[in-house]
C-alpha atoms as a PDB file:
ATOM      1  CA  MET A   1      -8.906 -16.582  51.460  1.00  0.00           C
ATOM      2  CA  PRO A   2      -8.635 -18.041  47.950  1.00  0.00           C
ATOM      3  CA  ARG A   3      -7.119 -16.126  45.085  1.00  0.00           C
ATOM      4  CA  SER A   4      -9.630 -14.424  42.823  1.00  0.00           C
ATOM      5  CA  VAL A   5      -9.011 -14.762  39.072  1.00  0.00           C
ATOM      6  CA  ASN A   6     -11.099 -12.979  36.485  1.00  0.00           C
ATOM      7  CA  HIS A   7     -11.731 -15.917  34.157  1.00  0.00           C
ATOM      8  CA  VAL A   8     -14.395 -14.030  32.238  1.00  0.00           C
ATOM      9  CA  ALA A   9     -12.003 -11.308  31.044  1.00  0.00           C
ATOM     10  CA  SER A  10      -9.098 -13.638  30.272  1.00  0.00           C
ATOM     11  CA  ARG A  11     -11.368 -16.007  28.319  1.00  0.00           C
ATOM     12  CA  ALA A  12     -12.784 -13.047  26.394  1.00  0.00           C
ATOM     13  CA  ARG A  13      -9.274 -11.920  25.451  1.00  0.00           C
ATOM     14  CA  ARG A  14      -8.430 -15.398  24.188  1.00  0.00           C
ATOM     15  CA  LYS A  15     -11.686 -15.707  22.286  1.00  0.00           C
ATOM     16  CA  LYS A  16     -11.025 -12.377  20.577  1.00  0.00           C
ATOM     17  CA  VAL A  17      -7.630 -13.553  19.281  1.00  0.00           C
ATOM     18  CA  LEU A  18      -8.946 -16.993  18.305  1.00  0.00           C
ATOM     19  CA  LYS A  19     -11.774 -15.357  16.372  1.00  0.00           C
ATOM     20  CA  GLN A  20      -9.265 -13.245  14.446  1.00  0.00           C
ATOM     21  CA  THR A  21      -7.109 -16.283  13.604  1.00  0.00           C
ATOM     22  CA  ARG A  22     -10.024 -18.152  12.055  1.00  0.00           C
ATOM     23  CA  GLY A  23      -8.921 -19.343   8.624  1.00  0.00           C
ATOM     24  CA  TYR A  24      -5.292 -19.924   9.605  1.00  0.00           C
ATOM     25  CA  TRP A  25      -3.824 -23.364   8.931  1.00  0.00           C
ATOM     26  CA  GLY A  26      -3.377 -26.118  11.512  1.00  0.00           C
ATOM     27  CA  ARG A  27      -2.884 -25.298  15.184  1.00  0.00           C
ATOM     28  CA  ARG A  28      -2.463 -21.610  14.353  1.00  0.00           C
ATOM     29  CA  LYS A  29      -6.247 -21.243  14.467  1.00  0.00           C
ATOM     30  CA  ASN A  30      -7.248 -23.113  17.611  1.00  0.00           C
ATOM     31  CA  VAL A  31      -4.329 -23.501  20.059  1.00  0.00           C
ATOM     32  CA  TRP A  32      -4.006 -20.383  22.177  1.00  0.00           C
ATOM     33  CA  THR A  33      -0.205 -20.129  22.432  1.00  0.00           C
ATOM     34  CA  VAL A  34       0.347 -20.833  18.736  1.00  0.00           C
ATOM     35  CA  ALA A  35      -2.555 -18.635  17.632  1.00  0.00           C
ATOM     36  CA  LYS A  36      -1.376 -15.702  19.753  1.00  0.00           C
ATOM     37  CA  ASN A  37       2.066 -15.748  18.139  1.00  0.00           C
ATOM     38  CA  ALA A  38       0.623 -16.153  14.636  1.00  0.00           C
ATOM     39  CA  HIS A  39      -1.812 -13.297  15.259  1.00  0.00           C
ATOM     40  CA  GLU A  40       0.892 -10.918  16.508  1.00  0.00           C
ATOM     41  CA  ARG A  41       3.097 -11.781  13.545  1.00  0.00           C
ATOM     42  CA  GLY A  42       0.186 -11.209  11.193  1.00  0.00           C
ATOM     43  CA  LEU A  43      -0.412  -7.769  12.667  1.00  0.00           C
ATOM     44  CA  GLN A  44       3.252  -6.892  12.089  1.00  0.00           C
ATOM     45  CA  PHE A  45       3.015  -7.951   8.448  1.00  0.00           C
ATOM     46  CA  ALA A  46      -0.184  -5.928   8.062  1.00  0.00           C
ATOM     47  CA  TYR A  47       1.518  -2.815   9.454  1.00  0.00           C
ATOM     48  CA  VAL A  48       4.485  -3.194   7.102  1.00  0.00           C
ATOM     49  CA  GLY A  49       2.146  -3.977   4.195  1.00  0.00           C
ATOM     50  CA  ARG A  50       0.312  -0.686   4.621  1.00  0.00           C
ATOM     51  CA  LYS A  51       3.619   1.152   4.156  1.00  0.00           C
ATOM     52  CA  LEU A  52       4.724  -1.037   1.220  1.00  0.00           C
ATOM     53  CA  LYS A  53       1.444  -0.436  -0.595  1.00  0.00           C
ATOM     54  CA  LYS A  54       2.170   3.292  -0.871  1.00  0.00           C
ATOM     55  CA  ARG A  55       5.688   2.558  -2.149  1.00  0.00           C
ATOM     56  CA  GLN A  56       4.436   0.101  -4.766  1.00  0.00           C
ATOM     57  CA  TYR A  57       1.756   2.459  -6.066  1.00  0.00           C
ATOM     58  CA  ARG A  58       4.294   5.271  -6.471  1.00  0.00           C
ATOM     59  CA  SER A  59       6.615   2.991  -8.470  1.00  0.00           C
ATOM     60  CA  LEU A  60       3.658   1.890 -10.627  1.00  0.00           C
ATOM     61  CA  TRP A  61       2.797   5.528 -11.384  1.00  0.00           C
ATOM     62  CA  ILE A  62       6.430   6.216 -12.312  1.00  0.00           C
ATOM     63  CA  VAL A  63       6.490   3.241 -14.705  1.00  0.00           C
ATOM     64  CA  ARG A  64       3.260   4.397 -16.377  1.00  0.00           C
ATOM     65  CA  ILE A  65       4.451   7.989 -16.762  1.00  0.00           C
ATOM     66  CA  ASN A  66       7.773   6.812 -18.191  1.00  0.00           C
ATOM     67  CA  ALA A  67       6.015   4.520 -20.677  1.00  0.00           C
ATOM     68  CA  ALA A  68       3.842   7.408 -21.853  1.00  0.00           C
ATOM     69  CA  CYS A  69       6.774   9.855 -22.067  1.00  0.00           C
ATOM     70  CA  ARG A  70       9.060   7.680 -24.213  1.00  0.00           C
ATOM     71  CA  PRO A  71       6.991   7.937 -27.449  1.00  0.00           C
ATOM     72  CA  GLU A  72       7.050  11.717 -26.999  1.00  0.00           C
ATOM     73  CA  GLY A  73      10.866  11.638 -27.083  1.00  0.00           C
ATOM     74  CA  ILE A  74      11.503  12.472 -23.425  1.00  0.00           C
ATOM     75  CA  SER A  75      12.523  10.364 -20.443  1.00  0.00           C
ATOM     76  CA  TYR A  76      10.702  10.268 -17.123  1.00  0.00           C
ATOM     77  CA  SER A  77      13.401  12.152 -15.210  1.00  0.00           C
ATOM     78  CA  GLN A  78      13.633  14.909 -17.821  1.00  0.00           C
ATOM     79  CA  PHE A  79       9.849  15.188 -17.918  1.00  0.00           C
ATOM     80  CA  MET A  80       9.478  15.457 -14.145  1.00  0.00           C
ATOM     81  CA  GLY A  81      12.253  18.038 -13.981  1.00  0.00           C
ATOM     82  CA  LYS A  82      10.464  20.157 -16.578  1.00  0.00           C
ATOM     83  CA  VAL A  83       7.115  19.687 -14.835  1.00  0.00           C
ATOM     84  CA  HIS A  84       8.576  21.089 -11.605  1.00  0.00           C
ATOM     85  CA  LYS A  85      10.301  23.945 -13.463  1.00  0.00           C
ATOM     86  CA  ALA A  86       7.057  24.831 -15.222  1.00  0.00           C
ATOM     87  CA  GLY A  87       5.302  24.976 -11.858  1.00  0.00           C
ATOM     88  CA  LEU A  88       2.643  22.375 -12.645  1.00  0.00           C
ATOM     89  CA  THR A  89       1.036  21.025  -9.491  1.00  0.00           C
ATOM     90  CA  LEU A  90      -0.011  17.688 -10.985  1.00  0.00           C
ATOM     91  CA  ASN A  91       1.243  14.822  -8.848  1.00  0.00           C
ATOM     92  CA  ARG A  92       2.435  11.450 -10.137  1.00  0.00           C
ATOM     93  CA  LYS A  93      -0.926   9.811  -9.460  1.00  0.00           C
ATOM     94  CA  ALA A  94      -2.761  12.356 -11.620  1.00  0.00           C
ATOM     95  CA  LEU A  95      -0.117  12.218 -14.356  1.00  0.00           C
ATOM     96  CA  ALA A  96      -0.263   8.414 -14.463  1.00  0.00           C
ATOM     97  CA  ASP A  97      -4.062   8.547 -14.698  1.00  0.00           C
ATOM     98  CA  LEU A  98      -3.817  10.993 -17.604  1.00  0.00           C
ATOM     99  CA  ALA A  99      -1.238   8.785 -19.306  1.00  0.00           C
ATOM    100  CA  MET A 100      -3.426   5.680 -18.980  1.00  0.00           C
ATOM    101  CA  HIS A 101      -6.928   6.991 -19.648  1.00  0.00           C
ATOM    102  CA  HIS A 102      -6.457  10.309 -21.499  1.00  0.00           C
ATOM    103  CA  PRO A 103      -3.394  10.080 -23.768  1.00  0.00           C
ATOM    104  CA  ALA A 104      -4.296  13.261 -25.672  1.00  0.00           C
ATOM    105  CA  ALA A 105      -4.390  15.265 -22.441  1.00  0.00           C
ATOM    106  CA  PHE A 106      -1.073  13.769 -21.349  1.00  0.00           C
ATOM    107  CA  LYS A 107       0.456  14.690 -24.717  1.00  0.00           C
ATOM    108  CA  ALA A 108      -0.759  18.265 -24.184  1.00  0.00           C
ATOM    109  CA  VAL A 109       0.968  18.306 -20.771  1.00  0.00           C
ATOM    110  CA  VAL A 110       4.202  17.016 -22.347  1.00  0.00           C
ATOM    111  CA  ASP A 111       4.032  19.648 -25.092  1.00  0.00           C
ATOM    112  CA  ALA A 112       3.371  22.353 -22.505  1.00  0.00           C
ATOM    113  CA  VAL A 113       6.479  21.539 -20.481  1.00  0.00           C
ATOM    114  CA  LYS A 114       8.834  20.994 -23.456  1.00  0.00           C
END
């Protein structure tokens, strides 16, 4: 009795990967073995990128808060220490938004913690 191979399912798996590699350069988009490796590598970069994005946003918020604190005569680390001592529950994202879009409100926060 001949061996039965499910060509429909295996072809569907390949088509799914090849569809996701559309737009890649050269053989990475249309040769199965090359495309599979490129696709797996791309998924790894995407996973790492989702973690890096959070890190980069936090550092951006810190830079913005520091830039807004300096004219008030206080450094970022001193400011954050006083914010925690004062018991303010504003996070870095909210503080950076205040510093960028509402400088008067940020100045009020700085004066409150000094």
